[in-house]
PDB file of N, CA and C in Angstrom:
ATOM      1  N   UNK A   1     167.394  91.459 215.250  1.00  0.00           N
ATOM      2  CA  UNK A   1     168.513  91.330 214.330  1.00  0.00           C
ATOM      3  C   UNK A   1     169.633  90.530 214.990  1.00  0.00           C
ATOM      4  N   UNK A   2     170.349  89.744 214.142  1.00  0.00           N
ATOM      5  CA  UNK A   2     171.491  88.971 214.630  1.00  0.00           C
ATOM      6  C   UNK A   2     172.722  89.860 214.684  1.00  0.00           C
ATOM      7  N   UNK A   3     173.501  89.718 215.711  1.00  0.00           N
ATOM      8  CA  UNK A   3     174.837  90.304 215.827  1.00  0.00           C
ATOM      9  C   UNK A   3     175.805  89.141 215.657  1.00  0.00           C
ATOM     10  N   UNK A   4     177.010  89.406 215.164  1.00  0.00           N
ATOM     11  CA  UNK A   4     177.954  88.306 214.971  1.00  0.00           C
ATOM     12  C   UNK A   4     179.388  88.795 214.941  1.00  0.00           C
ATOM     13  N   UNK A   5     180.298  87.824 215.173  1.00  0.00           N
ATOM     14  CA  UNK A   5     181.726  88.057 215.016  1.00  0.00           C
ATOM     15  C   UNK A   5     182.241  86.962 214.093  1.00  0.00           C
ATOM     16  N   UNK A   6     183.536  86.683 214.123  1.00  0.00           N
ATOM     17  CA  UNK A   6     184.110  85.690 213.209  1.00  0.00           C
ATOM     18  C   UNK A   6     183.657  84.259 213.502  1.00  0.00           C
ATOM     19  N   UNK A   7     183.289  83.966 214.747  1.00  0.00           N
ATOM     20  CA  UNK A   7     182.986  82.571 215.096  1.00  0.00           C
ATOM     21  C   UNK A   7     181.549  82.324 215.538  1.00  0.00           C
ATOM     22  N   UNK A   8     180.868  83.326 216.113  1.00  0.00           N
ATOM     23  CA  UNK A   8     179.530  83.109 216.679  1.00  0.00           C
ATOM     24  C   UNK A   8     178.541  84.169 216.221  1.00  0.00           C
ATOM     25  N   UNK A   9     177.256  83.886 216.469  1.00  0.00           N
ATOM     26  CA  UNK A   9     176.196  84.874 216.281  1.00  0.00           C
ATOM     27  C   UNK A   9     175.280  84.838 217.506  1.00  0.00           C
ATOM     28  N   UNK A  10     174.528  85.930 217.732  1.00  0.00           N
ATOM     29  CA  UNK A  10     173.681  86.015 218.918  1.00  0.00           C
ATOM     30  C   UNK A  10     172.651  87.123 218.722  1.00  0.00           C
ATOM     31  N   UNK A  11     171.646  87.115 219.566  1.00  0.00           N
ATOM     32  CA  UNK A  11     170.704  88.225 219.661  1.00  0.00           C
ATOM     33  C   UNK A  11     171.152  89.097 220.829  1.00  0.00           C
ATOM     34  N   UNK A  12     171.011  90.395 220.666  1.00  0.00           N
ATOM     35  CA  UNK A  12     171.449  91.304 221.713  1.00  0.00           C
ATOM     36  C   UNK A  12     170.316  92.287 222.015  1.00  0.00           C
ATOM     37  N   UNK A  13     169.996  92.430 223.292  1.00  0.00           N
ATOM     38  CA  UNK A  13     168.944  93.383 223.677  1.00  0.00           C
ATOM     39  C   UNK A  13     169.556  94.772 223.874  1.00  0.00           C
ATOM     40  N   UNK A  14     168.701  95.738 224.079  1.00  0.00           N
ATOM     41  CA  UNK A  14     169.159  97.118 224.231  1.00  0.00           C
ATOM     42  C   UNK A  14     170.069  97.303 225.441  1.00  0.00           C
ATOM     43  N   UNK A  15     169.892  96.445 226.457  1.00  0.00           N
ATOM     44  CA  UNK A  15     170.724  96.563 227.661  1.00  0.00           C
ATOM     45  C   UNK A  15     172.114  95.952 227.463  1.00  0.00           C
ATOM     46  N   UNK A  16     172.331  95.248 226.343  1.00  0.00           N
ATOM     47  CA  UNK A  16     173.642  94.666 226.061  1.00  0.00           C
ATOM     48  C   UNK A  16     173.742  93.194 226.361  1.00  0.00           C
ATOM     49  N   UNK A  17     172.695  92.595 226.976  1.00  0.00           N
ATOM     50  CA  UNK A  17     172.726  91.157 227.245  1.00  0.00           C
ATOM     51  C   UNK A  17     172.625  90.373 225.946  1.00  0.00           C
ATOM     52  N   UNK A  18     173.333  89.238 225.906  1.00  0.00           N
ATOM     53  CA  UNK A  18     173.335  88.378 224.722  1.00  0.00           C
ATOM     54  C   UNK A  18     172.502  87.136 224.983  1.00  0.00           C
ATOM     55  N   UNK A  19     171.777  86.677 223.955  1.00  0.00           N
ATOM     56  CA  UNK A  19     170.989  85.442 224.035  1.00  0.00           C
ATOM     57  C   UNK A  19     171.139  84.690 222.723  1.00  0.00           C
ATOM     58  N   UNK A  20     170.854  83.406 222.749  1.00  0.00           N
ATOM     59  CA  UNK A  20     170.894  82.547 221.547  1.00  0.00           C
ATOM     60  C   UNK A  20     172.282  82.496 220.910  1.00  0.00           C
ATOM     61  N   UNK A  21     173.340  82.576 221.699  1.00  0.00           N
ATOM     62  CA  UNK A  21     174.698  82.523 221.155  1.00  0.00           C
ATOM     63  C   UNK A  21     174.985  81.126 220.621  1.00  0.00           C
ATOM     64  N   UNK A  22     175.486  81.066 219.400  1.00  0.00           N
ATOM     65  CA  UNK A  22     175.809  79.779 218.769  1.00  0.00           C
ATOM     66  C   UNK A  22     176.890  79.993 217.717  1.00  0.00           C
ATOM     67  N   UNK A  23     177.576  78.904 217.371  1.00  0.00           N
ATOM     68  CA  UNK A  23     178.603  78.958 216.328  1.00  0.00           C
ATOM     69  C   UNK A  23     177.938  79.089 214.959  1.00  0.00           C
ATOM     70  N   UNK A  24     178.651  79.722 214.049  1.00  0.00           N
ATOM     71  CA  UNK A  24     178.137  79.866 212.685  1.00  0.00           C
ATOM     72  C   UNK A  24     177.957  78.499 212.030  1.00  0.00           C
ATOM     73  N   UNK A  25     177.044  78.450 211.096  1.00  0.00           N
ATOM     74  CA  UNK A  25     176.799  77.257 210.277  1.00  0.00           C
ATOM     75  C   UNK A  25     176.994  77.684 208.823  1.00  0.00           C
ATOM     76  N   UNK A  26     178.259  77.625 208.363  1.00  0.00           N
ATOM     77  CA  UNK A  26     178.586  78.153 207.039  1.00  0.00           C
ATOM     78  C   UNK A  26     178.226  77.183 205.923  1.00  0.00           C
ATOM     79  N   UNK A  27     177.838  77.773 204.792  1.00  0.00           N
ATOM     80  CA  UNK A  27     177.500  77.023 203.586  1.00  0.00           C
ATOM     81  C   UNK A  27     178.033  77.835 202.396  1.00  0.00           C
ATOM     82  N   UNK A  28     178.559  77.134 201.389  1.00  0.00           N
ATOM     83  CA  UNK A  28     179.087  77.834 200.218  1.00  0.00           C
ATOM     84  C   UNK A  28     177.946  78.396 199.388  1.00  0.00           C
ATOM     85  N   UNK A  29     178.124  79.636 198.910  1.00  0.00           N
ATOM     86  CA  UNK A  29     177.160  80.303 198.035  1.00  0.00           C
ATOM     87  C   UNK A  29     177.920  80.741 196.780  1.00  0.00           C
ATOM     88  N   UNK A  30     177.382  80.394 195.619  1.00  0.00           N
ATOM     89  CA  UNK A  30     178.033  80.761 194.357  1.00  0.00           C
ATOM     90  C   UNK A  30     177.542  82.137 193.925  1.00  0.00           C
ATOM     91  N   UNK A  31     178.484  83.076 193.793  1.00  0.00           N
ATOM     92  CA  UNK A  31     178.148  84.419 193.336  1.00  0.00           C
ATOM     93  C   UNK A  31     178.138  84.497 191.810  1.00  0.00           C
ATOM     94  N   UNK A  32     179.078  83.795 191.191  1.00  0.00           N
ATOM     95  CA  UNK A  32     179.164  83.757 189.733  1.00  0.00           C
ATOM     96  C   UNK A  32     179.615  82.348 189.367  1.00  0.00           C
ATOM     97  N   UNK A  33     178.804  81.630 188.623  1.00  0.00           N
ATOM     98  CA  UNK A  33     179.116  80.252 188.252  1.00  0.00           C
ATOM     99  C   UNK A  33     180.296  80.213 187.282  1.00  0.00           C
ATOM    100  N   UNK A  34     181.115  79.178 187.423  1.00  0.00           N
ATOM    101  CA  UNK A  34     182.237  78.981 186.506  1.00  0.00           C
ATOM    102  C   UNK A  34     181.720  78.393 185.199  1.00  0.00           C
ATOM    103  N   UNK A  35     182.405  78.698 184.125  1.00  0.00           N
ATOM    104  CA  UNK A  35     182.091  78.137 182.813  1.00  0.00           C
ATOM    105  C   UNK A  35     183.377  77.554 182.237  1.00  0.00           C
ATOM    106  N   UNK A  36     183.294  77.022 181.040  1.00  0.00           N
ATOM    107  CA  UNK A  36     184.502  76.519 180.383  1.00  0.00           C
ATOM    108  C   UNK A  36     185.438  77.663 180.008  1.00  0.00           C
ATOM    109  N   UNK A  37     184.868  78.849 179.823  1.00  0.00           N
ATOM    110  CA  UNK A  37     185.658  79.997 179.387  1.00  0.00           C
ATOM    111  C   UNK A  37     186.119  80.895 180.535  1.00  0.00           C
ATOM    112  N   UNK A  38     185.420  80.881 181.671  1.00  0.00           N
ATOM    113  CA  UNK A  38     185.749  81.838 182.735  1.00  0.00           C
ATOM    114  C   UNK A  38     185.636  81.197 184.115  1.00  0.00           C
ATOM    115  N   UNK A  39     186.455  81.700 185.047  1.00  0.00           N
ATOM    116  CA  UNK A  39     186.374  81.238 186.432  1.00  0.00           C
ATOM    117  C   UNK A  39     185.135  81.837 187.090  1.00  0.00           C
ATOM    118  N   UNK A  40     184.731  81.246 188.197  1.00  0.00           N
ATOM    119  CA  UNK A  40     183.593  81.744 188.946  1.00  0.00           C
ATOM    120  C   UNK A  40     184.044  82.299 190.293  1.00  0.00           C
ATOM    121  N   UNK A  41     183.076  82.771 191.075  1.00  0.00           N
ATOM    122  CA  UNK A  41     183.351  83.350 192.396  1.00  0.00           C
ATOM    123  C   UNK A  41     182.343  82.767 193.393  1.00  0.00           C
ATOM    124  N   UNK A  42     182.836  82.453 194.617  1.00  0.00           N
ATOM    125  CA  UNK A  42     181.946  81.957 195.662  1.00  0.00           C
ATOM    126  C   UNK A  42     182.385  82.500 197.017  1.00  0.00           C
ATOM    127  N   UNK A  43     181.499  82.366 198.007  1.00  0.00           N
ATOM    128  CA  UNK A  43     181.817  82.741 199.383  1.00  0.00           C
ATOM    129  C   UNK A  43     181.032  81.836 200.326  1.00  0.00           C
ATOM    130  N   UNK A  44     181.445  81.827 201.605  1.00  0.00           N
ATOM    131  CA  UNK A  44     180.707  81.079 202.620  1.00  0.00           C
ATOM    132  C   UNK A  44     179.789  82.054 203.350  1.00  0.00           C
ATOM    133  N   UNK A  45     178.572  81.561 203.667  1.00  0.00           N
ATOM    134  CA  UNK A  45     177.601  82.405 204.352  1.00  0.00           C
ATOM    135  C   UNK A  45     176.906  81.597 205.434  1.00  0.00           C
ATOM    136  N   UNK A  46     176.759  82.175 206.624  1.00  0.00           N
ATOM    137  CA  UNK A  46     176.076  81.507 207.728  1.00  0.00           C
ATOM    138  C   UNK A  46     174.591  81.377 207.384  1.00  0.00           C
ATOM    139  N   UNK A  47     174.061  80.179 207.529  1.00  0.00           N
ATOM    140  CA  UNK A  47     172.662  79.934 207.193  1.00  0.00           C
ATOM    141  C   UNK A  47     171.712  80.540 208.222  1.00  0.00           C
ATOM    142  N   UNK A  48     172.228  80.964 209.372  1.00  0.00           N
ATOM    143  CA  UNK A  48     171.380  81.531 210.424  1.00  0.00           C
ATOM    144  C   UNK A  48     171.390  83.058 210.383  1.00  0.00           C
ATOM    145  N   UNK A  49     172.584  83.645 210.440  1.00  0.00           N
ATOM    146  CA  UNK A  49     172.666  85.097 210.599  1.00  0.00           C
ATOM    147  C   UNK A  49     173.108  85.836 209.340  1.00  0.00           C
ATOM    148  N   UNK A  50     173.623  85.123 208.348  1.00  0.00           N
ATOM    149  CA  UNK A  50     174.048  85.763 207.110  1.00  0.00           C
ATOM    150  C   UNK A  50     175.473  86.267 207.107  1.00  0.00           C
ATOM    151  N   UNK A  51     176.268  85.983 208.149  1.00  0.00           N
ATOM    152  CA  UNK A  51     177.670  86.398 208.181  1.00  0.00           C
ATOM    153  C   UNK A  51     178.409  85.753 207.012  1.00  0.00           C
ATOM    154  N   UNK A  52     179.339  86.511 206.421  1.00  0.00           N
ATOM    155  CA  UNK A  52     180.075  86.013 205.254  1.00  0.00           C
ATOM    156  C   UNK A  52     181.552  85.865 205.572  1.00  0.00           C
ATOM    157  N   UNK A  53     182.187  84.884 204.911  1.00  0.00           N
ATOM    158  CA  UNK A  53     183.639  84.721 204.977  1.00  0.00           C
ATOM    159  C   UNK A  53     184.101  84.103 203.669  1.00  0.00           C
ATOM    160  N   UNK A  54     185.392  84.076 203.468  1.00  0.00           N
ATOM    161  CA  UNK A  54     186.001  83.513 202.255  1.00  0.00           C
ATOM    162  C   UNK A  54     185.422  84.148 201.006  1.00  0.00           C
ATOM    163  N   UNK A  55     185.172  85.457 201.073  1.00  0.00           N
ATOM    164  CA  UNK A  55     184.580  86.141 199.924  1.00  0.00           C
ATOM    165  C   UNK A  55     185.574  86.177 198.766  1.00  0.00           C
ATOM    166  N   UNK A  56     185.031  86.183 197.564  1.00  0.00           N
ATOM    167  CA  UNK A  56     185.792  86.224 196.309  1.00  0.00           C
ATOM    168  C   UNK A  56     186.705  85.023 196.134  1.00  0.00           C
ATOM    169  N   UNK A  57     186.290  83.854 196.652  1.00  0.00           N
ATOM    170  CA  UNK A  57     187.039  82.618 196.421  1.00  0.00           C
ATOM    171  C   UNK A  57     186.820  82.196 194.969  1.00  0.00           C
ATOM    172  N   UNK A  58     187.899  81.911 194.280  1.00  0.00           N
ATOM    173  CA  UNK A  58     187.821  81.583 192.853  1.00  0.00           C
ATOM    174  C   UNK A  58     187.396  80.137 192.652  1.00  0.00           C
ATOM    175  N   UNK A  59     186.473  79.941 191.728  1.00  0.00           N
ATOM    176  CA  UNK A  59     186.064  78.605 191.287  1.00  0.00           C
ATOM    177  C   UNK A  59     186.756  78.368 189.951  1.00  0.00           C
ATOM    178  N   UNK A  60     187.502  77.277 189.831  1.00  0.00           N
ATOM    179  CA  UNK A  60     188.216  76.980 188.593  1.00  0.00           C
ATOM    180  C   UNK A  60     187.262  76.848 187.416  1.00  0.00           C
ATOM    181  N   UNK A  61     187.797  77.111 186.228  1.00  0.00           N
ATOM    182  CA  UNK A  61     187.014  76.927 185.014  1.00  0.00           C
ATOM    183  C   UNK A  61     186.567  75.471 184.917  1.00  0.00           C
ATOM    184  N   UNK A  62     185.435  75.244 184.272  1.00  0.00           N
ATOM    185  CA  UNK A  62     184.974  73.878 184.059  1.00  0.00           C
ATOM    186  C   UNK A  62     185.888  73.199 183.052  1.00  0.00           C
ATOM    187  N   UNK A  63     186.181  71.914 183.244  1.00  0.00           N
ATOM    188  CA  UNK A  63     187.061  71.221 182.301  1.00  0.00           C
ATOM    189  C   UNK A  63     186.369  71.040 180.961  1.00  0.00           C
ATOM    190  N   UNK A  64     187.174  71.088 179.924  1.00  0.00           N
ATOM    191  CA  UNK A  64     186.650  70.828 178.586  1.00  0.00           C
ATOM    192  C   UNK A  64     186.545  69.332 178.422  1.00  0.00           C
ATOM    193  N   UNK A  65     185.354  68.847 178.137  1.00  0.00           N
ATOM    194  CA  UNK A  65     185.139  67.399 178.058  1.00  0.00           C
ATOM    195  C   UNK A  65     185.764  66.793 176.814  1.00  0.00           C
ATOM    196  N   UNK A  66     186.267  67.618 175.910  1.00  0.00           N
ATOM    197  CA  UNK A  66     186.884  67.095 174.697  1.00  0.00           C
ATOM    198  C   UNK A  66     185.866  66.777 173.630  1.00  0.00           C
ATOM    199  N   UNK A  67     184.602  66.973 173.895  1.00  0.00           N
ATOM    200  CA  UNK A  67     183.549  66.687 172.935  1.00  0.00           C
ATOM    201  C   UNK A  67     183.318  67.941 172.114  1.00  0.00           C
ATOM    202  N   UNK A  68     183.867  67.967 170.904  1.00  0.00           N
ATOM    203  CA  UNK A  68     183.752  69.157 170.071  1.00  0.00           C
ATOM    204  C   UNK A  68     182.644  69.043 169.058  1.00  0.00           C
ATOM    205  N   UNK A  69     182.137  67.850 168.855  1.00  0.00           N
ATOM    206  CA  UNK A  69     181.087  67.664 167.858  1.00  0.00           C
ATOM    207  C   UNK A  69     179.742  67.417 168.501  1.00  0.00           C
ATOM    208  N   UNK A  70     178.698  67.672 167.762  1.00  0.00           N
ATOM    209  CA  UNK A  70     177.351  67.425 168.242  1.00  0.00           C
ATOM    210  C   UNK A  70     176.996  65.972 167.974  1.00  0.00           C
ATOM    211  N   UNK A  71     176.349  65.330 168.930  1.00  0.00           N
ATOM    212  CA  UNK A  71     175.970  63.926 168.750  1.00  0.00           C
ATOM    213  C   UNK A  71     174.784  63.790 167.813  1.00  0.00           C
ATOM    214  N   UNK A  72     174.152  64.894 167.528  1.00  0.00           N
ATOM    215  CA  UNK A  72     173.032  64.832 166.597  1.00  0.00           C
ATOM    216  C   UNK A  72     171.693  64.840 167.302  1.00  0.00           C
ATOM    217  N   UNK A  73     171.614  64.354 168.540  1.00  0.00           N
ATOM    218  CA  UNK A  73     170.319  64.287 169.212  1.00  0.00           C
ATOM    219  C   UNK A  73     169.943  65.640 169.798  1.00  0.00           C
ATOM    220  N   UNK A  74     170.928  66.411 170.241  1.00  0.00           N
ATOM    221  CA  UNK A  74     170.648  67.689 170.849  1.00  0.00           C
ATOM    222  C   UNK A  74     170.004  67.560 172.216  1.00  0.00           C
ATOM    223  N   UNK A  75     169.874  66.341 172.735  1.00  0.00           N
ATOM    224  CA  UNK A  75     169.218  66.111 174.019  1.00  0.00           C
ATOM    225  C   UNK A  75     170.251  65.666 175.028  1.00  0.00           C
ATOM    226  N   UNK A  76     170.802  66.620 175.775  1.00  0.00           N
ATOM    227  CA  UNK A  76     171.803  66.298 176.776  1.00  0.00           C
ATOM    228  C   UNK A  76     171.256  66.428 178.183  1.00  0.00           C
ATOM    229  N   UNK A  77     169.952  66.631 178.329  1.00  0.00           N
ATOM    230  CA  UNK A  77     169.346  66.820 179.652  1.00  0.00           C
ATOM    231  C   UNK A  77     169.001  65.470 180.249  1.00  0.00           C
ATOM    232  N   UNK A  78     169.682  65.108 181.335  1.00  0.00           N
ATOM    233  CA  UNK A  78     169.412  63.826 181.990  1.00  0.00           C
ATOM    234  C   UNK A  78     168.413  63.973 183.124  1.00  0.00           C
ATOM    235  N   UNK A  79     167.904  65.209 183.335  1.00  0.00           N
ATOM    236  CA  UNK A  79     166.947  65.441 184.418  1.00  0.00           C
ATOM    237  C   UNK A  79     165.503  65.355 183.959  1.00  0.00           C
ATOM    238  N   UNK A  80     165.290  64.944 182.741  1.00  0.00           N
ATOM    239  CA  UNK A  80     163.927  64.855 182.233  1.00  0.00           C
ATOM    240  C   UNK A  80     163.237  63.615 182.776  1.00  0.00           C
ATOM    241  N   UNK A  81     161.913  63.688 182.927  1.00  0.00           N
ATOM    242  CA  UNK A  81     161.182  62.483 183.342  1.00  0.00           C
ATOM    243  C   UNK A  81     161.418  61.356 182.348  1.00  0.00           C
ATOM    244  N   UNK A  82     161.506  60.148 182.865  1.00  0.00           N
ATOM    245  CA  UNK A  82     161.741  58.993 182.004  1.00  0.00           C
ATOM    246  C   UNK A  82     163.203  58.605 181.931  1.00  0.00           C
ATOM    247  N   UNK A  83     164.084  59.507 182.301  1.00  0.00           N
ATOM    248  CA  UNK A  83     165.516  59.198 182.330  1.00  0.00           C
ATOM    249  C   UNK A  83     165.848  58.775 183.752  1.00  0.00           C
ATOM    250  N   UNK A  84     165.896  57.486 184.002  1.00  0.00           N
ATOM    251  CA  UNK A  84     166.102  56.976 185.352  1.00  0.00           C
ATOM    252  C   UNK A  84     167.539  56.542 185.534  1.00  0.00           C
ATOM    253  N   UNK A  85     168.288  57.317 186.320  1.00  0.00           N
ATOM    254  CA  UNK A  85     169.685  56.988 186.615  1.00  0.00           C
ATOM    255  C   UNK A  85     169.815  56.335 187.983  1.00  0.00           C
ATOM    256  N   UNK A  86     168.694  55.920 188.584  1.00  0.00           N
ATOM    257  CA  UNK A  86     168.738  55.386 189.940  1.00  0.00           C
ATOM    258  C   UNK A  86     169.437  54.033 190.012  1.00  0.00           C
ATOM    259  N   UNK A  87     169.638  53.367 188.877  1.00  0.00           N
ATOM    260  CA  UNK A  87     170.316  52.074 188.890  1.00  0.00           C
ATOM    261  C   UNK A  87     171.832  52.228 188.867  1.00  0.00           C
ATOM    262  N   UNK A  88     172.323  53.431 188.615  1.00  0.00           N
ATOM    263  CA  UNK A  88     173.766  53.662 188.590  1.00  0.00           C
ATOM    264  C   UNK A  88     174.281  53.850 190.005  1.00  0.00           C
ATOM    265  N   UNK A  89     175.478  53.350 190.271  1.00  0.00           N
ATOM    266  CA  UNK A  89     176.112  53.546 191.567  1.00  0.00           C
ATOM    267  C   UNK A  89     176.599  54.981 191.669  1.00  0.00           C
ATOM    268  N   UNK A  90     176.475  55.621 192.836  1.00  0.00           N
ATOM    269  CA  UNK A  90     176.998  56.978 192.973  1.00  0.00           C
ATOM    270  C   UNK A  90     178.517  56.964 192.905  1.00  0.00           C
ATOM    271  N   UNK A  91     179.104  57.992 192.335  1.00  0.00           N
ATOM    272  CA  UNK A  91     180.542  58.097 192.210  1.00  0.00           C
ATOM    273  C   UNK A  91     181.102  58.711 193.484  1.00  0.00           C
ATOM    274  N   UNK A  92     181.867  57.937 194.253  1.00  0.00           N
ATOM    275  CA  UNK A  92     182.397  58.411 195.525  1.00  0.00           C
ATOM    276  C   UNK A  92     183.845  58.845 195.440  1.00  0.00           C
ATOM    277  N   UNK A  93     184.530  58.473 194.379  1.00  0.00           N
ATOM    278  CA  UNK A  93     185.945  58.782 194.274  1.00  0.00           C
ATOM    279  C   UNK A  93     186.821  57.750 194.956  1.00  0.00           C
ATOM    280  N   UNK A  94     186.212  56.750 195.584  1.00  0.00           N
ATOM    281  CA  UNK A  94     186.960  55.692 196.259  1.00  0.00           C
ATOM    282  C   UNK A  94     187.292  54.618 195.232  1.00  0.00           C
ATOM    283  N   UNK A  95     188.568  54.451 194.940  1.00  0.00           N
ATOM    284  CA  UNK A  95     188.972  53.474 193.940  1.00  0.00           C
ATOM    285  C   UNK A  95     189.695  52.288 194.579  1.00  0.00           C
ATOM    286  N   UNK A  96     189.489  52.070 195.873  1.00  0.00           N
ATOM    287  CA  UNK A  96     190.156  50.955 196.539  1.00  0.00           C
ATOM    288  C   UNK A  96     189.577  49.638 196.035  1.00  0.00           C
ATOM    289  N   UNK A  97     190.397  48.600 196.086  1.00  0.00           N
ATOM    290  CA  UNK A  97     190.018  47.300 195.564  1.00  0.00           C
ATOM    291  C   UNK A  97     189.349  46.489 196.666  1.00  0.00           C
ATOM    292  N   UNK A  98     188.083  46.163 196.498  1.00  0.00           N
ATOM    293  CA  UNK A  98     187.320  45.436 197.502  1.00  0.00           C
ATOM    294  C   UNK A  98     187.856  44.014 197.679  1.00  0.00           C
ATOM    295  N   UNK A  99     188.327  43.406 196.630  1.00  0.00           N
ATOM    296  CA  UNK A  99     188.837  42.026 196.710  1.00  0.00           C
ATOM    297  C   UNK A  99     190.045  41.960 197.640  1.00  0.00           C
ATOM    298  N   UNK A 100     190.914  42.938 197.586  1.00  0.00           N
ATOM    299  CA  UNK A 100     192.078  42.969 198.470  1.00  0.00           C
ATOM    300  C   UNK A 100     191.672  43.046 199.937  1.00  0.00           C
ATOM    301  N   UNK A 101     190.665  43.857 200.239  1.00  0.00           N
ATOM    302  CA  UNK A 101     190.191  43.973 201.622  1.00  0.00           C
ATOM    303  C   UNK A 101     189.541  42.675 202.087  1.00  0.00           C
ATOM    304  N   UNK A 102     188.767  42.040 201.219  1.00  0.00           N
ATOM    305  CA  UNK A 102     188.141  40.772 201.591  1.00  0.00           C
ATOM    306  C   UNK A 102     189.189  39.682 201.827  1.00  0.00           C
ATOM    307  N   UNK A 103     190.219  39.646 201.002  1.00  0.00           N
ATOM    308  CA  UNK A 103     191.284  38.664 201.181  1.00  0.00           C
ATOM    309  C   UNK A 103     191.981  38.876 202.528  1.00  0.00           C
ATOM    310  N   UNK A 104     192.256  40.120 202.884  1.00  0.00           N
ATOM    311  CA  UNK A 104     192.881  40.410 204.166  1.00  0.00           C
ATOM    312  C   UNK A 104     191.983  39.996 205.326  1.00  0.00           C
ATOM    313  N   UNK A 105     190.684  40.180 205.164  1.00  0.00           N
ATOM    314  CA  UNK A 105     189.729  39.778 206.197  1.00  0.00           C
ATOM    315  C   UNK A 105     189.770  38.267 206.413  1.00  0.00           C
ATOM    316  N   UNK A 106     189.737  37.496 205.333  1.00  0.00           N
ATOM    317  CA  UNK A 106     189.753  36.039 205.459  1.00  0.00           C
ATOM    318  C   UNK A 106     191.085  35.534 206.010  1.00  0.00           C
ATOM    319  N   UNK A 107     192.185  36.119 205.607  1.00  0.00           N
ATOM    320  CA  UNK A 107     193.487  35.695 206.119  1.00  0.00           C
ATOM    321  C   UNK A 107     193.575  35.969 207.615  1.00  0.00           C
ATOM    322  N   UNK A 108     193.162  37.156 208.054  1.00  0.00           N
ATOM    323  CA  UNK A 108     193.231  37.456 209.477  1.00  0.00           C
ATOM    324  C   UNK A 108     192.272  36.575 210.277  1.00  0.00           C
ATOM    325  N   UNK A 109     191.112  36.248 209.713  1.00  0.00           N
ATOM    326  CA  UNK A 109     190.184  35.335 210.375  1.00  0.00           C
ATOM    327  C   UNK A 109     190.788  33.952 210.525  1.00  0.00           C
ATOM    328  N   UNK A 110     191.484  33.498 209.482  1.00  0.00           N
ATOM    329  CA  UNK A 110     192.141  32.193 209.544  1.00  0.00           C
ATOM    330  C   UNK A 110     193.229  32.162 210.593  1.00  0.00           C
ATOM    331  N   UNK A 111     194.013  33.213 210.684  1.00  0.00           N
ATOM    332  CA  UNK A 111     195.084  33.284 211.686  1.00  0.00           C
ATOM    333  C   UNK A 111     194.496  33.236 213.094  1.00  0.00           C
ATOM    334  N   UNK A 112     193.427  33.993 213.329  1.00  0.00           N
ATOM    335  CA  UNK A 112     192.794  33.978 214.648  1.00  0.00           C
ATOM    336  C   UNK A 112     192.236  32.599 214.985  1.00  0.00           C
ATOM    337  N   UNK A 113     191.669  31.904 214.008  1.00  0.00           N
ATOM    338  CA  UNK A 113     191.139  30.559 214.240  1.00  0.00           C
ATOM    339  C   UNK A 113     192.258  29.592 214.616  1.00  0.00           C
ATOM    340  N   UNK A 114     193.368  29.616 213.876  1.00  0.00           N
ATOM    341  CA  UNK A 114     194.504  28.742 214.159  1.00  0.00           C
ATOM    342  C   UNK A 114     195.055  29.030 215.553  1.00  0.00           C
ATOM    343  N   UNK A 115     195.192  30.296 215.910  1.00  0.00           N
ATOM    344  CA  UNK A 115     195.687  30.645 217.239  1.00  0.00           C
ATOM    345  C   UNK A 115     194.743  30.160 218.334  1.00  0.00           C
ATOM    346  N   UNK A 116     193.458  30.281 218.112  1.00  0.00           N
ATOM    347  CA  UNK A 116     192.477  29.823 219.100  1.00  0.00           C
ATOM    348  C   UNK A 116     192.521  28.323 219.287  1.00  0.00           C
ATOM    349  N   UNK A 117     192.608  27.562 218.191  1.00  0.00           N
ATOM    350  CA  UNK A 117     192.664  26.096 218.274  1.00  0.00           C
ATOM    351  C   UNK A 117     193.947  25.646 218.953  1.00  0.00           C
ATOM    352  N   UNK A 118     195.083  26.238 218.587  1.00  0.00           N
ATOM    353  CA  UNK A 118     196.352  25.815 219.194  1.00  0.00           C
ATOM    354  C   UNK A 118     196.383  26.153 220.687  1.00  0.00           C
ATOM    355  N   UNK A 119     195.796  27.275 221.073  1.00  0.00           N
ATOM    356  CA  UNK A 119     195.736  27.643 222.484  1.00  0.00           C
ATOM    357  C   UNK A 119     194.866  26.652 223.254  1.00  0.00           C
ATOM    358  N   UNK A 120     193.764  26.247 222.659  1.00  0.00           N
ATOM    359  CA  UNK A 120     192.867  25.288 223.314  1.00  0.00           C
ATOM    360  C   UNK A 120     193.558  23.934 223.475  1.00  0.00           C
ATOM    361  N   UNK A 121     194.291  23.489 222.445  1.00  0.00           N
ATOM    362  CA  UNK A 121     194.996  22.204 222.513  1.00  0.00           C
ATOM    363  C   UNK A 121     196.087  22.260 223.584  1.00  0.00           C
ATOM    364  N   UNK A 122     196.770  23.396 223.685  1.00  0.00           N
ATOM    365  CA  UNK A 122     197.822  23.544 224.667  1.00  0.00           C
ATOM    366  C   UNK A 122     197.243  23.461 226.082  1.00  0.00           C
ATOM    367  N   UNK A 123     196.106  24.112 226.307  1.00  0.00           N
ATOM    368  CA  UNK A 123     195.475  24.073 227.635  1.00  0.00           C
ATOM    369  C   UNK A 123     194.999  22.664 227.982  1.00  0.00           C
ATOM    370  N   UNK A 124     194.487  21.910 226.975  1.00  0.00           N
ATOM    371  CA  UNK A 124     194.035  20.541 227.216  1.00  0.00           C
ATOM    372  C   UNK A 124     195.221  19.619 227.554  1.00  0.00           C
ATOM    373  N   UNK A 125     196.348  19.809 226.871  1.00  0.00           N
ATOM    374  CA  UNK A 125     197.515  18.949 227.137  1.00  0.00           C
ATOM    375  C   UNK A 125     198.131  19.284 228.506  1.00  0.00           C
ATOM    376  N   UNK A 126     198.068  20.534 228.934  1.00  0.00           N
ATOM    377  CA  UNK A 126     198.594  20.890 230.248  1.00  0.00           C
ATOM    378  C   UNK A 126     197.707  20.340 231.363  1.00  0.00           C
ATOM    379  N   UNK A 127     196.403  20.206 231.079  1.00  0.00           N
ATOM    380  CA  UNK A 127     195.471  19.709 232.092  1.00  0.00           C
ATOM    381  C   UNK A 127     195.653  18.215 232.316  1.00  0.00           C
ATOM    382  N   UNK A 128     196.191  17.478 231.371  1.00  0.00           N
ATOM    383  CA  UNK A 128     196.362  16.021 231.505  1.00  0.00           C
ATOM    384  C   UNK A 128     197.481  15.640 232.367  1.00  0.00           C
TER     385      UNK A 128
END
């Protein structure tokens, strides 16, 4: 059996010696799923020894999508075979503008090139 405290878990023999001491590896476990009408409950549990923390953490209600009418198809399952979403980009939450970063890259590259050329010309003129 595993013994544990707030930060570690270990095996303990009858003589009191400890072996296999390691830090917990916590993962969230949902005790009650949230719905549009009610909040849910979750806790963290160590995947090795089963130690629990953050018990009774509230999961917010699911947002109402604003869709009050039926589309008529009744088929909202996107996990069915034949429904291939692999061509869609994953949603990362990163809304930064790639064009702005590329422009900054080219401008800084241009500045470094100009500095390198002017330094080389200066060294050549000093050598003469």
